[in-house]
Every structure is written in C-alpha cells, then in structure tokens.
Amino acid sequence: MFIVYISGIDGCGKTTQAKLLVEELQKQGLDADYMWFRWEPSFRKIINAFRTVKTKHTVAAKTDIVESENTEQGDWLKFKRNILSNSVVRRLWLLYACFDYFTAYRRGFRKITSEVIVIDRYVDDFIIDQAINLKMPPEQSYLIKKNFFLKKFHFPDFNIIINLPAMEGYTRKSDGTSLSYLETREKYYQTMTDSKTIHLDGLERINDLSDKIRIWIFSQLKVTGT
C-alpha cells in the first residue's frame, strides 16, 4: 500500500486535488481510493460544547467578524495553553491524543484494501495541531512524531503540501475558521520538507495544480515500480 498525503491550511484545495488525483490514478488502472483522516477526539462533542460556553462572550462583544473570530480563537488557544502549561497535564494530554488517534487509525486502516490511498488530513496535521496547543515552535514539532503510538502509523510515501496565503484561505473558506488560526498553521506547513515532499503554489489554477501533482506522483510511482 502506498500513501499519498496532501496537506496544507484550510482552503488550499486539498480535498479537490486529492479526489482529482484519485481519478487520474484510477484512469491509469491503479486501485486507488480517497480517505479523509483528521483526528477527531473521542469526546469532541464535550470539547465543542465547553468551547461554546467559554467563548460566547467574545462573539457578543465584537461587531467586526474577523476581529470576533480572531479573538475567539485567541481566547480558546490561550485557555488550552494555560491548562497544558502544567507538565503532568501536558504528558497526559499528549498520551491520550496520540492513543486516541492511533485507535482511530487501526480501526480505519483495517478496512483498506486499495493499492494507493490518497489521504486528505493525516499525521502531520495532527502533529501541527498538538504543537500549537503545546506552544511548540515549528522547528520542534517533529518531536511529537517520536511518540510511541505515532511511530506505529504507516507514514506517507509521498507528501504534497499546497502552500496558500492565510488570507486567501480565509476568503475561500468563509465558514467561521478564523484568520489567526490559518496564519498560525501556515508557518508550520512551510517548514515541512524532506526528500518525499513537494511544495506547490495553491494560488495556481485548479487544473494547473492538478497537472503538477499528477506528473510528480506518476514519476514517483514509476521510480518505485508501481
């Protein structure tokens, strides 16, 4: 099984490009499938409900939408970081988060039979989220990958990162995702690089971007003999 991982900030076109790539792979006779695999905490509903109560005063106090969203996101992030500033709580949270994601990983990947999986959201997105919660700078976020449970994941064979300015992603999404949320994550994706990773410009036209992804992936698969 080969994993092609497409990542980047919200609005960069990950889902669109992932599904287009699956179509191209299938046209070439490969057994390919799409998968969305972002970590969703097992008690996500409780977290969301608590966040709503915790930040509702922020929305009521602001009239500017961007300012309101940024303030709400900032308040929530500050709250999480205050809790996680305790070393014991940090260890327990990271242990829970990695184990919970690993449990979902085992459950989800047990059903996979396809030769090539194109994943939209995966381990690096999880690591970036945790690094931000723990106030770890981009250059140190790789330390989370050393977690016992994360080491058991099937890591991507090929990584495609679609770089997009945070403001453009914010304009495209228009779903309540704050600009500050995207700006913070943009920095982390920009620092991700290795021999299996390619960075592409998310401002390019959909078809042009799709062509570049297709050409790069097919060349990589050819090298591996797939």
Protein backbone atom coordinates (compact mmCIF):
# COMPACT_ATOMS: atom_id res chain seq x y z
CA MET A 1 0.00 0.00 0.00
CA PHE A 2 1.23 3.45 -0.95
CA ILE A 3 0.01 6.56 0.84
CA VAL A 4 -0.10 9.91 -0.93
CA TYR A 5 -0.69 12.64 1.63
CA ILE A 6 -1.99 16.05 0.57
CA SER A 7 -1.88 18.76 3.21
CA GLY A 8 -1.91 22.50 3.77
CA ILE A 9 -4.09 25.08 5.50
CA ASP A 10 -7.87 25.10 5.21
CA GLY A 11 -9.00 26.37 1.83
CA CYS A 12 -5.82 25.41 -0.04
CA GLY A 13 -7.70 22.84 -2.16
CA LYS A 14 -6.60 19.59 -0.51
CA THR A 15 -9.89 17.78 -0.94
CA THR A 16 -10.36 18.87 -4.54
CA GLN A 17 -6.83 17.88 -5.54
CA ALA A 18 -6.97 14.59 -3.63
CA LYS A 19 -10.12 13.50 -5.44
CA LEU A 20 -8.77 14.62 -8.82
CA LEU A 21 -5.61 12.61 -8.21
CA VAL A 22 -7.62 9.51 -7.32
CA GLU A 23 -9.49 9.84 -10.61
CA GLU A 24 -6.21 10.10 -12.54
CA LEU A 25 -4.73 7.09 -10.76
CA GLN A 26 -7.83 5.04 -11.49
CA LYS A 27 -7.66 6.03 -15.17
CA GLN A 28 -4.18 4.52 -15.23
CA GLY A 29 -5.56 1.24 -13.95
CA LEU A 30 -4.37 1.63 -10.37
CA ASP A 31 -6.52 0.57 -7.45
CA ALA A 32 -6.75 3.97 -5.76
CA ASP A 33 -9.12 5.45 -3.19
CA TYR A 34 -9.65 8.70 -1.27
CA MET A 35 -9.57 8.99 2.50
CA TRP A 36 -10.17 11.87 4.92
CA PHE A 37 -8.42 11.15 8.19
CA ARG A 38 -8.26 14.10 10.52
CA TRP A 39 -8.17 13.31 14.22
CA GLU A 40 -11.48 13.89 15.97
CA PRO A 41 -11.21 13.43 19.76
CA SER A 42 -13.43 10.69 21.18
CA PHE A 43 -15.09 13.32 23.39
CA ARG A 44 -15.19 16.02 20.69
CA LYS A 45 -18.81 16.97 21.42
CA ILE A 46 -17.94 17.76 25.03
CA ILE A 47 -14.95 19.87 23.96
CA ASN A 48 -17.05 21.79 21.42
CA ALA A 49 -19.81 22.41 23.93
CA PHE A 50 -17.32 23.68 26.50
CA ARG A 51 -15.67 25.94 23.91
CA THR A 52 -19.03 27.45 23.01
CA VAL A 53 -19.71 28.33 26.63
CA LYS A 54 -16.15 29.52 27.21
CA THR A 55 -16.01 31.92 24.26
CA LYS A 56 -19.63 33.04 23.74
CA HIS A 57 -18.95 36.39 25.44
CA THR A 58 -16.27 37.09 22.85
CA VAL A 59 -18.66 36.87 19.91
CA ALA A 60 -21.25 39.03 21.66
CA ALA A 61 -18.72 41.74 22.47
CA LYS A 62 -17.37 42.17 18.91
CA THR A 63 -19.03 43.63 15.84
CA ASP A 64 -16.23 43.09 13.32
CA ILE A 65 -16.39 39.48 12.06
CA VAL A 66 -12.65 39.00 11.54
CA GLU A 67 -11.83 40.54 14.91
CA SER A 68 -14.51 38.47 16.61
CA GLU A 69 -13.27 35.21 15.09
CA ASN A 70 -9.63 36.02 15.86
CA THR A 71 -10.42 36.97 19.45
CA GLU A 72 -12.48 33.83 19.99
CA GLN A 73 -9.70 31.65 18.56
CA GLY A 74 -7.09 33.50 20.62
CA ASP A 75 -9.06 33.12 23.84
CA TRP A 76 -9.60 29.42 23.24
CA LEU A 77 -5.94 28.81 22.39
CA LYS A 78 -4.81 30.77 25.45
CA PHE A 79 -7.14 28.71 27.63
CA LYS A 80 -5.78 25.44 26.27
CA ARG A 81 -2.18 26.56 26.65
CA ASN A 82 -2.76 27.63 30.24
CA ILE A 83 -4.06 24.15 31.08
CA LEU A 84 -1.27 22.43 29.16
CA SER A 85 1.44 24.56 30.78
CA ASN A 86 1.43 22.03 33.61
CA SER A 87 3.99 19.36 32.68
CA VAL A 88 1.91 16.47 34.04
CA VAL A 89 -1.20 17.61 32.18
CA ARG A 90 0.87 18.03 29.00
CA ARG A 91 2.11 14.44 29.18
CA LEU A 92 -1.33 13.06 29.94
CA TRP A 93 -2.96 15.04 27.15
CA LEU A 94 -0.39 14.02 24.55
CA LEU A 95 -0.65 10.40 25.67
CA TYR A 96 -4.42 10.50 25.33
CA ALA A 97 -4.40 12.35 21.99
CA CYS A 98 -1.85 10.02 20.37
CA PHE A 99 -3.54 6.89 21.69
CA ASP A 100 -6.98 8.11 20.64
CA TYR A 101 -5.75 8.90 17.12
CA PHE A 102 -3.92 5.58 16.93
CA THR A 103 -7.11 3.76 17.88
CA ALA A 104 -8.95 5.52 15.06
CA TYR A 105 -6.04 4.73 12.72
CA ARG A 106 -6.20 0.99 13.44
CA ARG A 107 -9.96 0.97 13.00
CA GLY A 108 -9.85 2.93 9.75
CA PHE A 109 -6.89 1.26 8.08
CA ARG A 110 -8.14 -2.23 8.87
CA LYS A 111 -10.74 -1.73 6.13
CA ILE A 112 -8.30 -0.55 3.45
CA THR A 113 -7.68 -2.86 0.52
CA SER A 114 -6.67 -0.34 -2.17
CA GLU A 115 -3.19 -0.25 -3.67
CA VAL A 116 -2.86 3.52 -3.38
CA ILE A 117 -4.57 5.72 -0.79
CA VAL A 118 -4.75 9.48 -1.25
CA ILE A 119 -5.22 10.99 2.21
CA ASP A 120 -6.64 14.42 2.94
CA ARG A 121 -5.59 15.23 6.53
CA TYR A 122 -3.33 12.83 8.39
CA VAL A 123 -0.45 12.58 10.88
CA ASP A 124 1.27 15.90 10.14
CA ASP A 125 -1.99 17.80 10.57
CA PHE A 126 -2.38 16.10 13.95
CA ILE A 127 1.20 16.98 14.91
CA ILE A 128 0.74 20.62 13.90
CA ASP A 129 -2.44 20.89 15.97
CA GLN A 130 -0.71 19.45 19.03
CA ALA A 131 2.42 21.55 18.56
CA ILE A 132 0.29 24.71 18.51
CA ASN A 133 -1.65 23.61 21.59
CA LEU A 134 1.63 22.94 23.39
CA LYS A 135 3.20 26.19 22.13
CA MET A 136 5.98 24.33 20.35
CA PRO A 137 7.67 26.25 17.51
CA PRO A 138 7.61 24.69 14.01
CA GLU A 139 11.23 23.55 14.20
CA GLN A 140 10.47 21.46 17.32
CA SER A 141 7.14 19.95 16.26
CA TYR A 142 8.89 16.86 14.85
CA LEU A 143 9.50 15.74 18.45
CA ILE A 144 5.83 14.78 18.75
CA LYS A 145 6.31 12.26 15.94
CA LYS A 146 8.55 10.28 18.28
CA ASN A 147 5.55 9.33 20.40
CA PHE A 148 5.21 5.57 20.89
CA PHE A 149 1.76 5.40 19.27
CA LEU A 150 2.55 7.68 16.33
CA LYS A 151 5.55 5.53 15.43
CA LYS A 152 3.11 2.70 14.68
CA PHE A 153 1.39 4.65 11.90
CA HIS A 154 2.02 3.88 8.23
CA PHE A 155 3.73 7.12 7.32
CA PRO A 156 3.13 8.64 3.87
CA ASP A 157 5.26 7.53 0.94
CA PHE A 158 4.72 10.88 -0.78
CA ASN A 159 3.79 14.26 0.71
CA ILE A 160 2.22 17.10 -1.23
CA ILE A 161 1.93 20.41 0.59
CA ILE A 162 -0.20 23.08 -1.04
CA ASN A 163 1.01 26.46 0.17
CA LEU A 164 -1.56 29.22 0.33
CA PRO A 165 -1.54 32.66 1.99
CA ALA A 166 -3.71 32.61 5.10
CA MET A 167 -5.87 35.49 3.88
CA GLU A 168 -6.68 33.64 0.66
CA GLY A 169 -7.60 30.52 2.63
CA TYR A 170 -9.80 32.60 4.91
CA THR A 171 -11.59 34.17 1.94
CA ARG A 172 -12.17 30.78 0.32
CA LYS A 173 -13.47 29.05 3.45
CA SER A 174 -15.86 31.65 4.89
CA ASP A 175 -17.08 29.08 7.41
CA GLY A 176 -16.09 30.71 10.68
CA THR A 177 -12.48 29.48 10.61
CA SER A 178 -10.52 32.45 11.95
CA LEU A 179 -7.76 34.21 10.04
CA SER A 180 -5.40 33.89 13.02
CA TYR A 181 -5.99 30.11 13.06
CA LEU A 182 -4.85 29.87 9.43
CA GLU A 183 -1.93 32.27 9.89
CA THR A 184 -0.55 30.19 12.74
CA ARG A 185 -0.76 26.93 10.77
CA GLU A 186 0.65 28.44 7.57
CA LYS A 187 4.07 28.77 9.25
CA TYR A 188 4.17 25.11 10.23
CA TYR A 189 3.34 23.76 6.77
CA GLN A 190 6.01 25.95 5.21
CA THR A 191 8.73 24.31 7.33
CA MET A 192 7.77 20.74 6.42
CA THR A 193 10.27 19.33 3.95
CA ASP A 194 12.16 16.13 3.11
CA SER A 195 13.03 14.01 0.08
CA LYS A 196 9.46 12.68 -0.14
CA THR A 197 7.83 16.10 0.00
CA ILE A 198 6.92 18.61 -2.69
CA HIS A 199 5.60 22.14 -2.06
CA LEU A 200 3.17 23.61 -4.59
CA ASP A 201 1.55 27.01 -5.02
CA GLY A 202 -2.11 26.95 -4.01
CA LEU A 203 -2.75 30.16 -5.95
CA GLU A 204 -2.38 28.31 -9.24
CA ARG A 205 -5.44 27.33 -11.22
CA ILE A 206 -7.04 24.05 -10.17
CA ASN A 207 -6.21 22.25 -13.42
CA ASP A 208 -2.60 23.51 -13.50
CA LEU A 209 -2.07 22.40 -9.92
CA SER A 210 -3.68 19.05 -10.65
CA ASP A 211 -1.35 18.51 -13.63
CA LYS A 212 1.74 19.19 -11.48
CA ILE A 213 0.56 16.79 -8.79
CA ARG A 214 -0.25 14.10 -11.35
CA ILE A 215 3.13 14.40 -13.10
CA TRP A 216 5.08 14.31 -9.83
CA ILE A 217 3.16 11.39 -8.35
CA PHE A 218 3.34 9.32 -11.54
CA SER A 219 7.08 9.91 -11.73
CA GLN A 220 7.46 8.80 -8.11
CA LEU A 221 5.35 5.69 -8.64
CA LYS A 222 7.41 4.85 -11.72
CA VAL A 223 10.61 5.03 -9.68
CA THR A 224 9.16 2.66 -7.08
CA GLY A 225 7.97 0.27 -9.79
CA THR A 226 4.27 0.66 -9.04
